[in-house]
Amino acid sequence: MVMYAANIYFWRRYRINYSFIFGFKKGTELGYREVLLLSSGLSVLMMAGIVSNLDMDMDPKTKSYKALTELVPLGLVVVVICITFCPFNVIYRSSRFFLIQCAFHCICAPFYKETLTDFFLADQLTSQVQAFRSLEFYICYYGWGDFRRRTDKCNESKVFEVFYYIVAVIPYWMRFLQCLRRLYSERDKMQGFNGLKYFSTIIAVVARTGHELRRGFTWKIIAATSSGVAMVINTYWDLVIDWGLLRRNTKNSWLRDKLAIPNRSIYFVAMVLNVILRLAWMQNILGFREAPFLHRTALTAIVAILEIIRRGIWNFFRLENEHLNNVGKYRAFKSVPLPFNHD
């Protein structure tokens, strides 16, 4: 949410008409202050849960209530879900319902004709694999009653292991189906290539997950190869197709003819960061699963955060390209000539 707030701030600063491109109802779109307010409120809620959990665990009077203490994280998730689906006109209802509608279209792909907001949200979800896996753990931990014994036996379950694969693939599969729908509807062969890109990512995710769970030299070779191929394809697509950069015969060398940001060096920095942050994706295969000063779970969280930062950077330049060059064939213009010509 902080990255989204930063995106909104810079979209407005460089006059990128994000509200029109996304199709927000006029007057209901959130500014960066409103998004920061929401993210701050959720952060305070989360910190209150952490502090209360620690306090109950340390206080001799409540230390024996182990099951009650373990219910605090579940309570946080329930509160956030209730806020999201709250039917009353509070906490930016129009924006919440807009999000729910787009998420529903993503889940039901390819049965709905895709709009930019639908596949834009699906792209965000591909950067949230760790969050999906955390939800799977919540279902296992609380649904099977492990929280009462304060023991984590989820990893010992074959069902959990199978869904560990499935949950990681779901966001990419939704995006793959969206590409197939656009290929069918628009007869655009680029959507076929885009679908192949996501299919290669699915193979890489499955191989990486297998390496994480199984280990072994064979899994490592398969995971490293598939991830390397997927990383090269995804990086090329990010820079050339989604951002419209790395163009040779332009007035801005290796960039586009049209740029929203006057300082051209920012584009080169963004391209380098995209490559570096994508390399963090491969840390699991390269063997950097543990650091001497970090717990394994903390390292996983850091890598997940780096992917979210990369996605936030991608968001800005993707929408800038849409605004300036109409890459996605949507009705978005930098300017409208006046007077209007009827013919």
Protein backbone atom coordinates (compact mmCIF):
# COMPACT_ATOMS: atom_id res chain seq x y z
CA MET A 1 0.00 0.00 0.00
CA VAL A 2 2.95 2.32 0.65
CA MET A 3 4.27 1.55 -2.85
CA TYR A 4 0.82 2.22 -4.32
CA ALA A 5 0.67 5.56 -2.48
CA ALA A 6 4.09 6.45 -3.92
CA ASN A 7 2.85 5.47 -7.39
CA ILE A 8 -0.17 7.77 -7.06
CA TYR A 9 2.02 10.66 -5.87
CA PHE A 10 4.40 10.38 -8.84
CA TRP A 11 1.61 9.70 -11.34
CA ARG A 12 0.00 12.96 -10.28
CA ARG A 13 3.31 14.81 -10.20
CA TYR A 14 4.08 13.82 -13.79
CA ARG A 15 0.46 14.26 -14.93
CA ILE A 16 -0.24 10.62 -15.73
CA ASN A 17 -4.01 10.20 -15.82
CA TYR A 18 -4.16 7.03 -13.74
CA SER A 19 -7.77 7.50 -12.60
CA PHE A 20 -8.97 7.67 -16.23
CA ILE A 21 -6.86 4.67 -17.32
CA PHE A 22 -8.07 2.55 -14.40
CA GLY A 23 -11.66 3.66 -14.94
CA PHE A 24 -12.26 5.04 -11.45
CA LYS A 25 -15.54 6.85 -10.96
CA LYS A 26 -14.80 10.56 -10.91
CA GLY A 27 -14.45 11.93 -7.39
CA THR A 28 -14.08 8.52 -5.75
CA GLU A 29 -10.44 7.75 -6.57
CA LEU A 30 -8.11 7.72 -3.56
CA GLY A 31 -5.18 10.10 -3.32
CA TYR A 32 -1.83 9.11 -1.90
CA ARG A 33 -2.76 10.63 1.49
CA GLU A 34 -5.84 8.42 1.79
CA VAL A 35 -3.86 5.29 0.84
CA LEU A 36 -1.14 6.19 3.36
CA LEU A 37 -3.82 6.74 6.02
CA LEU A 38 -5.23 3.26 5.36
CA SER A 39 -1.82 1.60 5.37
CA SER A 40 -0.87 3.43 8.58
CA GLY A 41 -4.12 2.35 10.22
CA LEU A 42 -3.51 -1.28 9.26
CA SER A 43 0.09 -1.03 10.50
CA VAL A 44 -1.08 0.30 13.87
CA LEU A 45 -3.65 -2.51 14.05
CA MET A 46 -0.95 -5.07 13.28
CA MET A 47 1.47 -3.62 15.85
CA ALA A 48 -1.29 -3.63 18.47
CA GLY A 49 -1.80 -7.34 17.75
CA ILE A 50 1.94 -8.07 18.03
CA VAL A 51 2.32 -6.15 21.30
CA SER A 52 -0.80 -7.72 22.84
CA ASN A 53 0.39 -11.18 21.76
CA LEU A 54 3.80 -10.64 23.37
CA ASP A 55 2.26 -9.13 26.50
CA MET A 56 -0.10 -12.08 26.96
CA ASP A 57 2.80 -14.48 26.40
CA MET A 58 5.00 -12.74 29.02
CA ASP A 59 2.43 -11.91 31.68
CA PRO A 60 2.23 -14.75 34.29
CA LYS A 61 -1.52 -14.17 34.63
CA THR A 62 -2.26 -14.79 30.95
CA LYS A 63 0.67 -17.01 30.00
CA SER A 64 -1.39 -20.14 30.57
CA TYR A 65 -3.97 -18.98 27.99
CA LYS A 66 -1.87 -20.27 25.13
CA ALA A 67 -4.76 -20.96 22.78
CA LEU A 68 -6.22 -17.47 23.34
CA THR A 69 -2.85 -15.87 22.70
CA GLU A 70 -2.52 -17.75 19.42
CA LEU A 71 -5.91 -16.45 18.25
CA VAL A 72 -4.65 -12.84 18.05
CA PRO A 73 -3.14 -13.21 14.52
CA LEU A 74 -6.33 -14.88 13.30
CA GLY A 75 -8.31 -12.01 14.79
CA LEU A 76 -6.26 -9.53 12.78
CA VAL A 77 -7.01 -11.35 9.52
CA VAL A 78 -10.73 -11.54 10.37
CA VAL A 79 -10.82 -7.78 11.09
CA VAL A 80 -9.17 -6.94 7.76
CA ILE A 81 -11.57 -9.23 5.87
CA CYS A 82 -14.56 -7.63 7.64
CA ILE A 83 -13.29 -4.14 6.72
CA THR A 84 -12.82 -5.20 3.09
CA PHE A 85 -16.34 -6.63 2.70
CA CYS A 86 -18.11 -4.13 4.99
CA PRO A 87 -21.32 -3.09 3.14
CA PHE A 88 -21.69 0.24 4.94
CA ASN A 89 -20.53 3.48 3.37
CA VAL A 90 -17.41 3.81 5.51
CA ILE A 91 -13.67 3.36 4.89
CA TYR A 92 -13.86 4.22 1.16
CA ARG A 93 -16.61 1.77 0.20
CA SER A 94 -16.52 2.56 -3.54
CA SER A 95 -12.79 1.77 -3.72
CA ARG A 96 -13.22 -1.41 -1.69
CA PHE A 97 -16.03 -2.64 -3.92
CA PHE A 98 -14.04 -1.71 -7.03
CA LEU A 99 -11.19 -3.88 -5.71
CA ILE A 100 -13.58 -6.77 -4.95
CA GLN A 101 -15.06 -6.56 -8.45
CA CYS A 102 -11.63 -6.64 -10.11
CA ALA A 103 -10.55 -9.53 -7.87
CA PHE A 104 -13.71 -11.44 -8.82
CA HIS A 105 -12.92 -10.93 -12.52
CA CYS A 106 -9.40 -12.25 -11.91
CA ILE A 107 -10.72 -15.36 -10.16
CA CYS A 108 -13.27 -15.98 -12.91
CA ALA A 109 -10.78 -15.59 -15.77
CA PRO A 110 -11.23 -16.25 -18.67
CA PHE A 111 -15.04 -15.88 -18.50
CA TYR A 112 -14.94 -12.07 -18.33
CA LYS A 113 -13.59 -9.75 -21.01
CA GLU A 114 -10.45 -8.36 -19.46
CA THR A 115 -9.93 -4.68 -18.79
CA LEU A 116 -6.65 -3.02 -17.84
CA THR A 117 -7.60 -2.92 -14.16
CA ASP A 118 -8.26 -6.67 -14.11
CA PHE A 119 -4.91 -7.77 -15.47
CA PHE A 120 -3.12 -4.96 -13.61
CA LEU A 121 -4.47 -6.39 -10.33
CA ALA A 122 -3.57 -9.93 -11.42
CA ASP A 123 0.00 -8.74 -12.01
CA GLN A 124 0.06 -7.40 -8.44
CA LEU A 125 -1.08 -10.78 -7.13
CA THR A 126 1.83 -12.53 -8.87
CA SER A 127 4.10 -10.56 -6.52
CA GLN A 128 2.15 -11.75 -3.46
CA VAL A 129 2.91 -15.47 -3.55
CA GLN A 130 4.34 -15.42 -0.03
CA ALA A 131 1.14 -13.81 1.26
CA PHE A 132 -0.96 -16.55 -0.38
CA ARG A 133 1.21 -19.19 1.24
CA SER A 134 0.80 -17.47 4.59
CA LEU A 135 -2.98 -17.69 4.20
CA GLU A 136 -2.61 -21.39 3.43
CA PHE A 137 -0.63 -21.78 6.64
CA TYR A 138 -3.36 -19.93 8.57
CA ILE A 139 -6.00 -22.34 7.25
CA CYS A 140 -3.86 -25.32 8.24
CA TYR A 141 -2.71 -23.95 11.60
CA TYR A 142 -6.14 -22.84 12.81
CA GLY A 143 -8.36 -25.22 10.82
CA TRP A 144 -6.61 -28.35 12.05
CA GLY A 145 -6.34 -27.13 15.63
CA ASP A 146 -2.52 -26.88 15.82
CA PHE A 147 -2.88 -23.51 17.56
CA ARG A 148 -4.29 -25.24 20.66
CA ARG A 149 -1.12 -27.31 21.04
CA ARG A 150 1.12 -24.50 19.75
CA THR A 151 2.80 -26.93 17.38
CA ASP A 152 3.27 -26.54 13.64
CA LYS A 153 2.67 -29.88 11.92
CA CYS A 154 1.51 -28.43 8.61
CA ASN A 155 4.76 -29.30 6.82
CA GLU A 156 4.25 -32.96 7.72
CA SER A 157 0.96 -33.10 5.79
CA LYS A 158 0.91 -34.25 2.15
CA VAL A 159 -2.25 -32.20 1.53
CA PHE A 160 -0.46 -29.05 2.75
CA GLU A 161 2.49 -29.89 0.49
CA VAL A 162 0.25 -30.27 -2.58
CA PHE A 163 -1.49 -26.96 -1.89
CA TYR A 164 1.93 -25.36 -1.31
CA TYR A 165 2.45 -25.91 -5.04
CA ILE A 166 -1.09 -24.94 -6.08
CA VAL A 167 -1.29 -21.72 -4.06
CA ALA A 168 1.98 -20.43 -5.55
CA VAL A 169 0.78 -21.15 -9.09
CA ILE A 170 -2.74 -19.63 -8.80
CA PRO A 171 -1.78 -15.93 -9.46
CA TYR A 172 0.27 -16.85 -12.55
CA TRP A 173 -2.44 -19.22 -13.76
CA MET A 174 -5.05 -16.44 -13.54
CA ARG A 175 -2.78 -14.18 -15.57
CA PHE A 176 -2.18 -16.96 -18.09
CA LEU A 177 -5.93 -17.44 -18.58
CA GLN A 178 -6.40 -13.68 -19.00
CA CYS A 179 -3.83 -13.71 -21.80
CA LEU A 180 -5.65 -16.58 -23.51
CA ARG A 181 -8.94 -14.67 -23.26
CA ARG A 182 -7.39 -11.56 -24.83
CA LEU A 183 -5.78 -13.71 -27.53
CA TYR A 184 -9.22 -15.15 -28.34
CA SER A 185 -11.09 -11.83 -28.14
CA GLU A 186 -8.58 -9.48 -29.77
CA ARG A 187 -6.69 -11.89 -32.05
CA ASP A 188 -3.50 -10.28 -30.78
CA LYS A 189 -0.58 -12.69 -31.12
CA MET A 190 1.40 -10.70 -28.52
CA GLN A 191 -1.07 -11.95 -25.92
CA GLY A 192 -0.12 -15.49 -26.93
CA PHE A 193 3.54 -14.71 -26.30
CA ASN A 194 2.57 -13.07 -23.01
CA GLY A 195 0.71 -16.24 -22.05
CA LEU A 196 3.81 -18.31 -22.82
CA LYS A 197 5.79 -15.97 -20.57
CA TYR A 198 3.48 -16.71 -17.64
CA PHE A 199 3.48 -20.41 -18.46
CA SER A 200 7.28 -20.44 -18.25
CA THR A 201 6.97 -18.71 -14.88
CA ILE A 202 4.53 -21.40 -13.69
CA ILE A 203 7.09 -24.08 -14.59
CA ALA A 204 9.79 -22.13 -12.74
CA VAL A 205 7.60 -21.71 -9.63
CA VAL A 206 6.76 -25.43 -9.55
CA ALA A 207 10.44 -26.35 -9.96
CA ARG A 208 11.53 -23.89 -7.26
CA THR A 209 8.89 -25.20 -4.87
CA GLY A 210 9.98 -28.77 -5.57
CA HIS A 211 13.58 -27.81 -4.86
CA GLU A 212 12.50 -26.09 -1.64
CA LEU A 213 10.56 -29.12 -0.39
CA ARG A 214 12.58 -32.02 -1.84
CA ARG A 215 16.13 -30.75 -2.19
CA GLY A 216 18.66 -32.72 -4.20
CA PHE A 217 20.99 -31.94 -7.10
CA THR A 218 18.46 -32.84 -9.82
CA TRP A 219 15.80 -30.51 -8.43
CA LYS A 220 18.41 -27.76 -8.12
CA ILE A 221 19.42 -28.06 -11.80
CA ILE A 222 15.78 -28.07 -12.96
CA ALA A 223 14.88 -25.14 -10.71
CA ALA A 224 17.94 -23.08 -11.67
CA THR A 225 17.42 -23.65 -15.41
CA SER A 226 13.68 -22.94 -15.44
CA SER A 227 14.07 -19.91 -13.16
CA GLY A 228 16.91 -18.52 -15.24
CA VAL A 229 14.89 -18.83 -18.46
CA ALA A 230 11.79 -17.31 -16.81
CA MET A 231 13.83 -14.44 -15.35
CA VAL A 232 15.35 -13.53 -18.74
CA ILE A 233 11.95 -13.67 -20.49
CA ASN A 234 10.17 -11.67 -17.75
CA THR A 235 12.94 -9.05 -17.57
CA TYR A 236 12.88 -8.55 -21.35
CA TRP A 237 9.08 -8.26 -21.33
CA ASP A 238 9.16 -5.76 -18.44
CA LEU A 239 11.69 -3.46 -20.08
CA VAL A 240 10.76 -3.71 -23.74
CA ILE A 241 7.02 -4.50 -23.90
CA ASP A 242 5.53 -3.19 -20.64
CA TRP A 243 7.81 -0.15 -20.24
CA GLY A 244 8.53 0.42 -23.94
CA LEU A 245 12.23 1.00 -23.26
CA LEU A 246 15.47 -0.30 -24.83
CA ARG A 247 14.60 1.25 -28.21
CA ARG A 248 17.60 1.85 -30.43
CA ASN A 249 16.36 4.23 -33.11
CA THR A 250 14.82 6.93 -30.93
CA LYS A 251 15.73 10.49 -30.05
CA ASN A 252 16.33 9.29 -26.47
CA SER A 253 18.98 6.59 -26.80
CA TRP A 254 17.73 3.17 -25.58
CA LEU A 255 14.55 4.79 -24.26
CA ARG A 256 11.30 5.98 -25.86
CA ASP A 257 10.59 9.06 -27.92
CA LYS A 258 8.06 10.15 -25.29
CA LEU A 259 9.08 10.35 -21.63
CA ALA A 260 7.14 11.73 -18.69
CA ILE A 261 10.21 12.22 -16.49
CA PRO A 262 12.69 14.83 -17.75
CA ASN A 263 15.67 13.17 -16.06
CA ARG A 264 16.48 10.25 -18.38
CA SER A 265 18.93 8.63 -15.94
CA ILE A 266 15.96 7.56 -13.77
CA TYR A 267 14.87 5.14 -16.50
CA PHE A 268 18.28 3.47 -16.60
CA VAL A 269 18.35 3.21 -12.79
CA ALA A 270 14.87 1.64 -12.86
CA MET A 271 15.98 -0.90 -15.48
CA VAL A 272 19.04 -1.89 -13.45
CA LEU A 273 16.95 -2.17 -10.27
CA ASN A 274 14.43 -4.37 -12.06
CA VAL A 275 17.20 -6.82 -13.01
CA ILE A 276 18.79 -6.79 -9.53
CA LEU A 277 15.50 -7.25 -7.70
CA ARG A 278 14.53 -10.09 -10.02
CA LEU A 279 17.78 -11.83 -9.06
CA ALA A 280 16.48 -11.91 -5.47
CA TRP A 281 13.84 -14.26 -6.87
CA MET A 282 16.58 -16.88 -7.38
CA GLN A 283 18.11 -16.70 -3.90
CA ASN A 284 16.30 -19.90 -2.92
CA ILE A 285 17.97 -21.88 -5.70
CA LEU A 286 21.39 -20.28 -5.38
CA GLY A 287 21.56 -21.50 -1.79
CA PHE A 288 21.22 -18.24 0.14
CA ARG A 289 18.39 -19.56 2.29
CA GLU A 290 20.09 -18.68 5.54
CA ALA A 291 22.25 -15.81 6.70
CA PRO A 292 24.38 -15.80 9.88
CA PHE A 293 22.50 -12.79 11.27
CA LEU A 294 18.99 -13.60 9.95
CA HIS A 295 16.41 -16.26 10.66
CA ARG A 296 15.24 -18.24 7.60
CA THR A 297 11.72 -16.83 7.88
CA ALA A 298 13.07 -13.28 8.13
CA LEU A 299 15.08 -13.82 4.93
CA THR A 300 11.94 -15.10 3.18
CA ALA A 301 10.07 -11.97 4.30
CA ILE A 302 12.86 -9.69 3.03
CA VAL A 303 12.86 -11.36 -0.39
CA ALA A 304 9.06 -11.01 -0.54
CA ILE A 305 9.37 -7.30 0.30
CA LEU A 306 11.98 -6.82 -2.43
CA GLU A 307 9.57 -8.33 -4.96
CA ILE A 308 6.81 -5.95 -3.82
CA ILE A 309 9.21 -3.00 -4.23
CA ARG A 310 10.09 -4.21 -7.73
CA ARG A 311 6.39 -4.45 -8.57
CA GLY A 312 5.83 -0.92 -7.26
CA ILE A 313 8.55 0.42 -9.57
CA TRP A 314 7.07 -1.60 -12.45
CA ASN A 315 3.63 -0.06 -11.80
CA PHE A 316 4.80 3.50 -12.38
CA PHE A 317 6.54 2.87 -15.71
CA ARG A 318 3.85 0.48 -16.94
CA LEU A 319 1.15 3.10 -16.51
CA GLU A 320 3.39 5.87 -17.86
CA ASN A 321 3.88 3.82 -21.03
CA GLU A 322 0.12 3.20 -21.23
CA HIS A 323 -0.56 6.91 -20.83
CA LEU A 324 2.00 8.15 -23.36
CA ASN A 325 1.94 5.50 -26.08
CA ASN A 326 -1.36 3.67 -25.61
CA VAL A 327 0.56 0.36 -25.68
CA GLY A 328 -2.36 -1.73 -24.41
CA LYS A 329 -4.77 -0.32 -27.04
CA TYR A 330 -6.83 1.42 -24.37
CA ARG A 331 -8.24 4.94 -24.66
CA ALA A 332 -5.56 6.98 -22.91
CA PHE A 333 -4.10 10.12 -24.40
CA LYS A 334 -1.42 12.58 -23.33
CA SER A 335 -3.43 15.42 -24.90
CA VAL A 336 -6.57 15.94 -26.99
CA PRO A 337 -6.27 18.30 -30.01
CA LEU A 338 -8.68 21.23 -30.13
CA PRO A 339 -10.97 22.09 -31.76
CA PHE A 340 -12.58 18.68 -32.17
CA ASN A 341 -12.96 17.48 -35.74
CA HIS A 342 -16.30 15.78 -36.39
CA ASP A 343 -15.00 13.77 -39.35
